Amino acid sequence: MKSQEHKNEGHNAPTWQVPTDYFERLPGRVMARLEQAAPPQLWLPAKASRWALVASMLVGAWLLWPKPSEEINTPWST
């Protein structure tokens, strides 16, 4: 005798359908979730800190770049 699980095995498939406009509404829902998590007045400091990070990386690369007076002598340099 089959158990209850085996009897209903093929009948418990999900019957829900994805709404046709689900992906059209998705960007708005994502933005609403972002605004709920961090209101827009908190976005400016995040953008400013991102630009500060980029600027500090550029300054660091400029400071670490070898100057013409201190070029590293390599065997193939003339």
C-alpha atoms as a PDB file:
ATOM      1  CA  MET A   1       0.000   0.000   0.000  1.00  0.00           C
ATOM      2  CA  LYS A   2       1.363   3.396  -1.032  1.00  0.00           C
ATOM      3  CA  SER A   3       1.845   6.087   1.552  1.00  0.00           C
ATOM      4  CA  GLN A   4       0.061   9.432   1.355  1.00  0.00           C
ATOM      5  CA  GLU A   5       3.239  11.125   0.078  1.00  0.00           C
ATOM      6  CA  HIS A   6       3.536   8.855  -2.945  1.00  0.00           C
ATOM      7  CA  LYS A   7      -0.135   9.209  -3.782  1.00  0.00           C
ATOM      8  CA  ASN A   8       0.034  13.028  -3.999  1.00  0.00           C
ATOM      9  CA  GLU A   9       3.488  13.211  -5.524  1.00  0.00           C
ATOM     10  CA  GLY A  10       2.493  14.653  -8.881  1.00  0.00           C
ATOM     11  CA  HIS A  11      -0.266  16.916  -7.600  1.00  0.00           C
ATOM     12  CA  ASN A  12       1.643  19.333  -5.411  1.00  0.00           C
ATOM     13  CA  ALA A  13       3.437  21.223  -8.180  1.00  0.00           C
ATOM     14  CA  PRO A  14       3.391  25.009  -7.681  1.00  0.00           C
ATOM     15  CA  THR A  15       0.480  26.622  -9.469  1.00  0.00           C
ATOM     16  CA  TRP A  16       1.515  30.292  -9.139  1.00  0.00           C
ATOM     17  CA  GLN A  17       2.405  32.313 -12.215  1.00  0.00           C
ATOM     18  CA  VAL A  18       4.817  35.228 -12.459  1.00  0.00           C
ATOM     19  CA  PRO A  19       2.848  38.424 -13.183  1.00  0.00           C
ATOM     20  CA  THR A  20       3.482  39.685 -16.705  1.00  0.00           C
ATOM     21  CA  ASP A  21       4.594  43.122 -15.477  1.00  0.00           C
ATOM     22  CA  TYR A  22       6.826  41.742 -12.704  1.00  0.00           C
ATOM     23  CA  PHE A  23      10.081  42.681 -14.415  1.00  0.00           C
ATOM     24  CA  GLU A  24       8.687  46.029 -15.561  1.00  0.00           C
ATOM     25  CA  ARG A  25       7.880  46.949 -11.953  1.00  0.00           C
ATOM     26  CA  LEU A  26      11.130  45.529 -10.588  1.00  0.00           C
ATOM     27  CA  PRO A  27      13.334  48.678 -10.921  1.00  0.00           C
ATOM     28  CA  GLY A  28      10.740  50.758  -9.083  1.00  0.00           C
ATOM     29  CA  ARG A  29      10.486  48.154  -6.348  1.00  0.00           C
ATOM     30  CA  VAL A  30      14.272  48.005  -6.012  1.00  0.00           C
ATOM     31  CA  MET A  31      14.472  51.803  -5.779  1.00  0.00           C
ATOM     32  CA  ALA A  32      11.659  51.851  -3.222  1.00  0.00           C
ATOM     33  CA  ARG A  33      13.517  49.246  -1.158  1.00  0.00           C
ATOM     34  CA  LEU A  34      16.718  51.297  -1.400  1.00  0.00           C
ATOM     35  CA  GLU A  35      14.915  54.471  -0.350  1.00  0.00           C
ATOM     36  CA  GLN A  36      13.366  52.573   2.538  1.00  0.00           C
ATOM     37  CA  ALA A  37      16.767  51.292   3.647  1.00  0.00           C
ATOM     38  CA  ALA A  38      18.659  54.565   3.047  1.00  0.00           C
ATOM     39  CA  PRO A  39      16.689  57.755   2.361  1.00  0.00           C
ATOM     40  CA  PRO A  40      17.990  59.915  -0.526  1.00  0.00           C
ATOM     41  CA  GLN A  41      19.490  62.483   1.868  1.00  0.00           C
ATOM     42  CA  LEU A  42      21.948  59.761   2.930  1.00  0.00           C
ATOM     43  CA  TRP A  43      23.072  59.076  -0.658  1.00  0.00           C
ATOM     44  CA  LEU A  44      25.167  62.233  -1.065  1.00  0.00           C
ATOM     45  CA  PRO A  45      27.690  61.301   1.653  1.00  0.00           C
ATOM     46  CA  ALA A  46      28.036  57.854   0.096  1.00  0.00           C
ATOM     47  CA  LYS A  47      28.736  59.379  -3.323  1.00  0.00           C
ATOM     48  CA  ALA A  48      31.105  61.913  -1.756  1.00  0.00           C
ATOM     49  CA  SER A  49      33.003  59.192   0.087  1.00  0.00           C
ATOM     50  CA  ARG A  50      33.222  57.198  -3.150  1.00  0.00           C
ATOM     51  CA  TRP A  51      34.752  60.187  -4.944  1.00  0.00           C
ATOM     52  CA  ALA A  52      37.063  60.788  -1.982  1.00  0.00           C
ATOM     53  CA  LEU A  53      38.230  57.180  -2.262  1.00  0.00           C
ATOM     54  CA  VAL A  54      38.880  57.573  -6.003  1.00  0.00           C
ATOM     55  CA  ALA A  55      40.738  60.852  -5.428  1.00  0.00           C
ATOM     56  CA  SER A  56      42.879  59.361  -2.660  1.00  0.00           C
ATOM     57  CA  MET A  57      43.766  56.404  -4.888  1.00  0.00           C
ATOM     58  CA  LEU A  58      44.816  58.767  -7.675  1.00  0.00           C
ATOM     59  CA  VAL A  59      46.916  60.858  -5.281  1.00  0.00           C
ATOM     60  CA  GLY A  60      48.511  57.708  -3.882  1.00  0.00           C
ATOM     61  CA  ALA A  61      49.357  56.450  -7.369  1.00  0.00           C
ATOM     62  CA  TRP A  62      50.839  59.852  -8.244  1.00  0.00           C
ATOM     63  CA  LEU A  63      52.943  59.875  -5.080  1.00  0.00           C
ATOM     64  CA  LEU A  64      54.175  56.316  -5.623  1.00  0.00           C
ATOM     65  CA  TRP A  65      54.959  56.851  -9.314  1.00  0.00           C
ATOM     66  CA  PRO A  66      58.728  57.034  -9.828  1.00  0.00           C
ATOM     67  CA  LYS A  67      59.883  60.554 -10.603  1.00  0.00           C
ATOM     68  CA  PRO A  68      62.279  61.127 -13.530  1.00  0.00           C
ATOM     69  CA  SER A  69      65.138  61.864 -11.119  1.00  0.00           C
ATOM     70  CA  GLU A  70      64.718  58.558  -9.304  1.00  0.00           C
ATOM     71  CA  GLU A  71      64.137  56.169 -12.189  1.00  0.00           C
ATOM     72  CA  ILE A  72      65.028  52.612 -11.307  1.00  0.00           C
ATOM     73  CA  ASN A  73      68.152  51.451 -13.124  1.00  0.00           C
ATOM     74  CA  THR A  74      67.439  48.235 -14.956  1.00  0.00           C
ATOM     75  CA  PRO A  75      69.770  46.291 -17.248  1.00  0.00           C
ATOM     76  CA  TRP A  76      67.777  47.285 -20.320  1.00  0.00           C
ATOM     77  CA  SER A  77      67.556  51.001 -19.477  1.00  0.00           C
ATOM     78  CA  THR A  78      69.945  53.239 -21.395  1.00  0.00           C
END
